[in-house]
Amino acid sequence: MERQVDSRTYVYDPLRPPSPVPGCLPCLELAAQRAEARFRCDSSAATDANVLLRRHLGEAHEQRV
């Protein structure tokens, strides 16, 4: 029996990096910091950017990420 997931249901996955909200400058800046850190192979800085993005999403966009 297949389990169907409603496309409107948000499934929290702590291993998945947070996604920026389109058009939100702070989100996009944090995503750019993360991309640059990944380019430099700096996993610590990439993790820091993810933490800051999750915090911003929770505070500014009321998302649980």
PDB file of N, CA and C in Angstrom:
ATOM      1  N   MET A   1       0.848  -1.181   0.000  1.00  0.00           N
ATOM      2  CA  MET A   1       0.000   0.000   0.000  1.00  0.00           C
ATOM      3  C   MET A   1       0.890   1.239   0.000  1.00  0.00           C
ATOM      4  N   GLU A   2       0.691   2.128  -0.980  1.00  0.00           N
ATOM      5  CA  GLU A   2       1.480   3.342  -1.082  1.00  0.00           C
ATOM      6  C   GLU A   2       0.909   4.424  -0.185  1.00  0.00           C
ATOM      7  N   ARG A   3       1.821   5.183   0.413  1.00  0.00           N
ATOM      8  CA  ARG A   3       1.408   6.302   1.243  1.00  0.00           C
ATOM      9  C   ARG A   3       1.485   7.563   0.413  1.00  0.00           C
ATOM     10  N   GLN A   4       0.399   8.305   0.348  1.00  0.00           N
ATOM     11  CA  GLN A   4       0.385   9.545  -0.400  1.00  0.00           C
ATOM     12  C   GLN A   4       0.576  10.709   0.553  1.00  0.00           C
ATOM     13  N   VAL A   5       1.362  11.684   0.111  1.00  0.00           N
ATOM     14  CA  VAL A   5       1.595  12.880   0.904  1.00  0.00           C
ATOM     15  C   VAL A   5       0.923  14.041   0.203  1.00  0.00           C
ATOM     16  N   ASP A   6       0.121  14.760   0.943  1.00  0.00           N
ATOM     17  CA  ASP A   6      -0.544  15.944   0.406  1.00  0.00           C
ATOM     18  C   ASP A   6       0.526  16.978   0.076  1.00  0.00           C
ATOM     19  N   SER A   7       0.496  17.537  -1.121  1.00  0.00           N
ATOM     20  CA  SER A   7       1.526  18.487  -1.548  1.00  0.00           C
ATOM     21  C   SER A   7       1.529  19.752  -0.702  1.00  0.00           C
ATOM     22  N   ARG A   8       0.445  20.009   0.013  1.00  0.00           N
ATOM     23  CA  ARG A   8       0.394  21.192   0.874  1.00  0.00           C
ATOM     24  C   ARG A   8       0.976  20.918   2.256  1.00  0.00           C
ATOM     25  N   THR A   9       1.275  19.693   2.549  1.00  0.00           N
ATOM     26  CA  THR A   9       1.813  19.319   3.849  1.00  0.00           C
ATOM     27  C   THR A   9       3.318  19.507   3.851  1.00  0.00           C
ATOM     28  N   TYR A  10       3.815  20.219   4.856  1.00  0.00           N
ATOM     29  CA  TYR A  10       5.248  20.432   4.982  1.00  0.00           C
ATOM     30  C   TYR A  10       5.832  19.311   5.823  1.00  0.00           C
ATOM     31  N   VAL A  11       6.830  18.642   5.289  1.00  0.00           N
ATOM     32  CA  VAL A  11       7.500  17.567   6.009  1.00  0.00           C
ATOM     33  C   VAL A  11       8.870  18.077   6.434  1.00  0.00           C
ATOM     34  N   TYR A  12       9.098  18.137   7.736  1.00  0.00           N
ATOM     35  CA  TYR A  12      10.361  18.633   8.272  1.00  0.00           C
ATOM     36  C   TYR A  12      11.435  17.563   8.156  1.00  0.00           C
ATOM     37  N   ASP A  13      12.538  17.915   7.550  1.00  0.00           N
ATOM     38  CA  ASP A  13      13.674  17.008   7.404  1.00  0.00           C
ATOM     39  C   ASP A  13      14.922  17.740   7.873  1.00  0.00           C
ATOM     40  N   PRO A  14      15.416  17.425   9.078  1.00  0.00           N
ATOM     41  CA  PRO A  14      16.557  18.163   9.623  1.00  0.00           C
ATOM     42  C   PRO A  14      17.851  17.981   8.829  1.00  0.00           C
ATOM     43  N   LEU A  15      17.910  16.964   7.973  1.00  0.00           N
ATOM     44  CA  LEU A  15      19.118  16.738   7.187  1.00  0.00           C
ATOM     45  C   LEU A  15      19.108  17.519   5.878  1.00  0.00           C
ATOM     46  N   ARG A  16      17.977  18.065   5.516  1.00  0.00           N
ATOM     47  CA  ARG A  16      17.839  18.801   4.271  1.00  0.00           C
ATOM     48  C   ARG A  16      18.114  20.286   4.516  1.00  0.00           C
ATOM     49  N   PRO A  17      18.959  20.904   3.713  1.00  0.00           N
ATOM     50  CA  PRO A  17      19.238  22.330   3.933  1.00  0.00           C
ATOM     51  C   PRO A  17      17.989  23.180   3.696  1.00  0.00           C
ATOM     52  N   PRO A  18      17.843  24.257   4.453  1.00  0.00           N
ATOM     53  CA  PRO A  18      16.666  25.112   4.292  1.00  0.00           C
ATOM     54  C   PRO A  18      16.698  25.839   2.950  1.00  0.00           C
ATOM     55  N   SER A  19      15.517  26.119   2.429  1.00  0.00           N
ATOM     56  CA  SER A  19      15.395  26.834   1.152  1.00  0.00           C
ATOM     57  C   SER A  19      15.016  28.282   1.415  1.00  0.00           C
ATOM     58  N   PRO A  20      15.654  29.217   0.719  1.00  0.00           N
ATOM     59  CA  PRO A  20      15.300  30.623   0.891  1.00  0.00           C
ATOM     60  C   PRO A  20      13.925  30.923   0.294  1.00  0.00           C
ATOM     61  N   VAL A  21      13.266  31.918   0.844  1.00  0.00           N
ATOM     62  CA  VAL A  21      11.985  32.369   0.314  1.00  0.00           C
ATOM     63  C   VAL A  21      12.288  33.290  -0.871  1.00  0.00           C
ATOM     64  N   PRO A  22      11.716  33.003  -2.032  1.00  0.00           N
ATOM     65  CA  PRO A  22      11.975  33.839  -3.207  1.00  0.00           C
ATOM     66  C   PRO A  22      11.622  35.301  -2.949  1.00  0.00           C
ATOM     67  N   GLY A  23      12.511  36.183  -3.334  1.00  0.00           N
ATOM     68  CA  GLY A  23      12.273  37.618  -3.197  1.00  0.00           C
ATOM     69  C   GLY A  23      12.657  38.198  -1.851  1.00  0.00           C
ATOM     70  N   CYS A  24      13.061  37.374  -0.895  1.00  0.00           N
ATOM     71  CA  CYS A  24      13.454  37.862   0.425  1.00  0.00           C
ATOM     72  C   CYS A  24      14.965  38.070   0.430  1.00  0.00           C
ATOM     73  N   LEU A  25      15.407  39.320   0.530  1.00  0.00           N
ATOM     74  CA  LEU A  25      16.826  39.640   0.452  1.00  0.00           C
ATOM     75  C   LEU A  25      17.653  38.948   1.545  1.00  0.00           C
ATOM     76  N   PRO A  26      17.229  38.972   2.817  1.00  0.00           N
ATOM     77  CA  PRO A  26      18.018  38.265   3.839  1.00  0.00           C
ATOM     78  C   PRO A  26      18.159  36.768   3.547  1.00  0.00           C
ATOM     79  N   CYS A  27      17.084  36.139   3.077  1.00  0.00           N
ATOM     80  CA  CYS A  27      17.145  34.718   2.718  1.00  0.00           C
ATOM     81  C   CYS A  27      18.170  34.495   1.608  1.00  0.00           C
ATOM     82  N   LEU A  28      18.094  35.310   0.593  1.00  0.00           N
ATOM     83  CA  LEU A  28      18.995  35.154  -0.551  1.00  0.00           C
ATOM     84  C   LEU A  28      20.450  35.406  -0.165  1.00  0.00           C
ATOM     85  N   GLU A  29      20.685  36.378   0.722  1.00  0.00           N
ATOM     86  CA  GLU A  29      22.052  36.647   1.179  1.00  0.00           C
ATOM     87  C   GLU A  29      22.614  35.457   1.952  1.00  0.00           C
ATOM     88  N   LEU A  30      21.799  34.868   2.813  1.00  0.00           N
ATOM     89  CA  LEU A  30      22.256  33.705   3.588  1.00  0.00           C
ATOM     90  C   LEU A  30      22.487  32.504   2.682  1.00  0.00           C
ATOM     91  N   ALA A  31      21.639  32.332   1.689  1.00  0.00           N
ATOM     92  CA  ALA A  31      21.839  31.240   0.739  1.00  0.00           C
ATOM     93  C   ALA A  31      23.120  31.451  -0.068  1.00  0.00           C
ATOM     94  N   ALA A  32      23.418  32.704  -0.396  1.00  0.00           N
ATOM     95  CA  ALA A  32      24.658  33.014  -1.126  1.00  0.00           C
ATOM     96  C   ALA A  32      25.874  32.749  -0.245  1.00  0.00           C
ATOM     97  N   GLN A  33      25.786  33.095   1.036  1.00  0.00           N
ATOM     98  CA  GLN A  33      26.885  32.801   1.970  1.00  0.00           C
ATOM     99  C   GLN A  33      27.119  31.297   2.043  1.00  0.00           C
ATOM    100  N   ARG A  34      26.044  30.539   2.108  1.00  0.00           N
ATOM    101  CA  ARG A  34      26.145  29.083   2.165  1.00  0.00           C
ATOM    102  C   ARG A  34      26.794  28.540   0.896  1.00  0.00           C
ATOM    103  N   ALA A  35      26.372  29.044  -0.262  1.00  0.00           N
ATOM    104  CA  ALA A  35      26.937  28.580  -1.535  1.00  0.00           C
ATOM    105  C   ALA A  35      28.427  28.900  -1.624  1.00  0.00           C
ATOM    106  N   GLU A  36      28.806  30.078  -1.182  1.00  0.00           N
ATOM    107  CA  GLU A  36      30.228  30.454  -1.201  1.00  0.00           C
ATOM    108  C   GLU A  36      31.033  29.567  -0.254  1.00  0.00           C
ATOM    109  N   ALA A  37      30.479  29.287   0.921  1.00  0.00           N
ATOM    110  CA  ALA A  37      31.169  28.414   1.877  1.00  0.00           C
ATOM    111  C   ALA A  37      31.337  27.007   1.305  1.00  0.00           C
ATOM    112  N   ARG A  38      30.307  26.518   0.646  1.00  0.00           N
ATOM    113  CA  ARG A  38      30.419  25.192   0.019  1.00  0.00           C
ATOM    114  C   ARG A  38      31.477  25.202  -1.078  1.00  0.00           C
ATOM    115  N   PHE A  39      31.530  26.289  -1.850  1.00  0.00           N
ATOM    116  CA  PHE A  39      32.527  26.414  -2.912  1.00  0.00           C
ATOM    117  C   PHE A  39      33.941  26.363  -2.335  1.00  0.00           C
ATOM    118  N   ARG A  40      34.124  26.967  -1.147  1.00  0.00           N
ATOM    119  CA  ARG A  40      35.430  26.977  -0.475  1.00  0.00           C
ATOM    120  C   ARG A  40      35.675  25.685   0.310  1.00  0.00           C
ATOM    121  N   CYS A  41      34.715  24.758   0.281  1.00  0.00           N
ATOM    122  CA  CYS A  41      34.796  23.503   1.052  1.00  0.00           C
ATOM    123  C   CYS A  41      34.885  23.779   2.551  1.00  0.00           C
ATOM    124  N   ASP A  42      34.193  24.823   2.998  1.00  0.00           N
ATOM    125  CA  ASP A  42      34.166  25.208   4.409  1.00  0.00           C
ATOM    126  C   ASP A  42      32.826  24.764   4.995  1.00  0.00           C
ATOM    127  N   SER A  43      32.772  23.518   5.434  1.00  0.00           N
ATOM    128  CA  SER A  43      31.513  22.963   5.924  1.00  0.00           C
ATOM    129  C   SER A  43      31.035  23.648   7.204  1.00  0.00           C
ATOM    130  N   SER A  44      31.955  24.158   8.007  1.00  0.00           N
ATOM    131  CA  SER A  44      31.565  24.861   9.227  1.00  0.00           C
ATOM    132  C   SER A  44      30.804  26.144   8.882  1.00  0.00           C
ATOM    133  N   ALA A  45      31.309  26.919   7.940  1.00  0.00           N
ATOM    134  CA  ALA A  45      30.640  28.156   7.525  1.00  0.00           C
ATOM    135  C   ALA A  45      29.315  27.848   6.826  1.00  0.00           C
ATOM    136  N   ALA A  46      29.258  26.763   6.067  1.00  0.00           N
ATOM    137  CA  ALA A  46      28.011  26.374   5.406  1.00  0.00           C
ATOM    138  C   ALA A  46      26.957  26.005   6.447  1.00  0.00           C
ATOM    139  N   THR A  47      27.363  25.293   7.485  1.00  0.00           N
ATOM    140  CA  THR A  47      26.446  24.933   8.566  1.00  0.00           C
ATOM    141  C   THR A  47      25.970  26.178   9.294  1.00  0.00           C
ATOM    142  N   ASP A  48      26.888  27.114   9.550  1.00  0.00           N
ATOM    143  CA  ASP A  48      26.510  28.373  10.201  1.00  0.00           C
ATOM    144  C   ASP A  48      25.460  29.114   9.381  1.00  0.00           C
ATOM    145  N   ALA A  49      25.645  29.159   8.068  1.00  0.00           N
ATOM    146  CA  ALA A  49      24.678  29.832   7.191  1.00  0.00           C
ATOM    147  C   ALA A  49      23.330  29.130   7.250  1.00  0.00           C
ATOM    148  N   ASN A  50      23.326  27.800   7.310  1.00  0.00           N
ATOM    149  CA  ASN A  50      22.073  27.054   7.427  1.00  0.00           C
ATOM    150  C   ASN A  50      21.360  27.380   8.733  1.00  0.00           C
ATOM    151  N   VAL A  51      22.115  27.459   9.821  1.00  0.00           N
ATOM    152  CA  VAL A  51      21.529  27.786  11.128  1.00  0.00           C
ATOM    153  C   VAL A  51      20.905  29.178  11.082  1.00  0.00           C
ATOM    154  N   LEU A  52      21.631  30.133  10.526  1.00  0.00           N
ATOM    155  CA  LEU A  52      21.111  31.501  10.440  1.00  0.00           C
ATOM    156  C   LEU A  52      19.890  31.576   9.525  1.00  0.00           C
ATOM    157  N   LEU A  53      19.907  30.823   8.428  1.00  0.00           N
ATOM    158  CA  LEU A  53      18.762  30.813   7.524  1.00  0.00           C
ATOM    159  C   LEU A  53      17.548  30.184   8.200  1.00  0.00           C
ATOM    160  N   ARG A  54      17.749  29.091   8.921  1.00  0.00           N
ATOM    161  CA  ARG A  54      16.627  28.477   9.648  1.00  0.00           C
ATOM    162  C   ARG A  54      16.050  29.439  10.683  1.00  0.00           C
ATOM    163  N   ARG A  55      16.927  30.129  11.393  1.00  0.00           N
ATOM    164  CA  ARG A  55      16.474  31.099  12.400  1.00  0.00           C
ATOM    165  C   ARG A  55      15.671  32.218  11.725  1.00  0.00           C
ATOM    166  N   HIS A  56      16.196  32.728  10.616  1.00  0.00           N
ATOM    167  CA  HIS A  56      15.500  33.792   9.892  1.00  0.00           C
ATOM    168  C   HIS A  56      14.139  33.307   9.389  1.00  0.00           C
ATOM    169  N   LEU A  57      14.093  32.108   8.815  1.00  0.00           N
ATOM    170  CA  LEU A  57      12.826  31.567   8.312  1.00  0.00           C
ATOM    171  C   LEU A  57      11.802  31.446   9.438  1.00  0.00           C
ATOM    172  N   GLY A  58      12.249  31.022  10.597  1.00  0.00           N
ATOM    173  CA  GLY A  58      11.331  30.874  11.736  1.00  0.00           C
ATOM    174  C   GLY A  58      10.823  32.203  12.244  1.00  0.00           C
ATOM    175  N   GLU A  59      11.688  33.216  12.263  1.00  0.00           N
ATOM    176  CA  GLU A  59      11.307  34.505  12.800  1.00  0.00           C
ATOM    177  C   GLU A  59      10.556  35.370  11.781  1.00  0.00           C
ATOM    178  N   ALA A  60      11.058  35.443  10.568  1.00  0.00           N
ATOM    179  CA  ALA A  60      10.493  36.354   9.570  1.00  0.00           C
ATOM    180  C   ALA A  60       9.367  35.734   8.753  1.00  0.00           C
ATOM    181  N   HIS A  61       9.428  34.422   8.572  1.00  0.00           N
ATOM    182  CA  HIS A  61       8.455  33.768   7.697  1.00  0.00           C
ATOM    183  C   HIS A  61       7.603  32.746   8.432  1.00  0.00           C
ATOM    184  N   GLU A  62       7.798  32.621   9.737  1.00  0.00           N
ATOM    185  CA  GLU A  62       7.034  31.715  10.593  1.00  0.00           C
ATOM    186  C   GLU A  62       7.013  30.290  10.049  1.00  0.00           C
ATOM    187  N   GLN A  63       8.168  29.821   9.578  1.00  0.00           N
ATOM    188  CA  GLN A  63       8.305  28.450   9.091  1.00  0.00           C
ATOM    189  C   GLN A  63       9.091  27.639  10.103  1.00  0.00           C
ATOM    190  N   ARG A  64       8.690  26.399  10.296  1.00  0.00           N
ATOM    191  CA  ARG A  64       9.471  25.488  11.131  1.00  0.00           C
ATOM    192  C   ARG A  64      10.397  24.734  10.205  1.00  0.00           C
ATOM    193  N   VAL A  65      11.679  25.056  10.311  1.00  0.00           N
ATOM    194  CA  VAL A  65      12.651  24.398   9.431  1.00  0.00           C
ATOM    195  C   VAL A  65      13.821  23.878  10.217  1.00  0.00           C
TER     196      VAL A  65
END
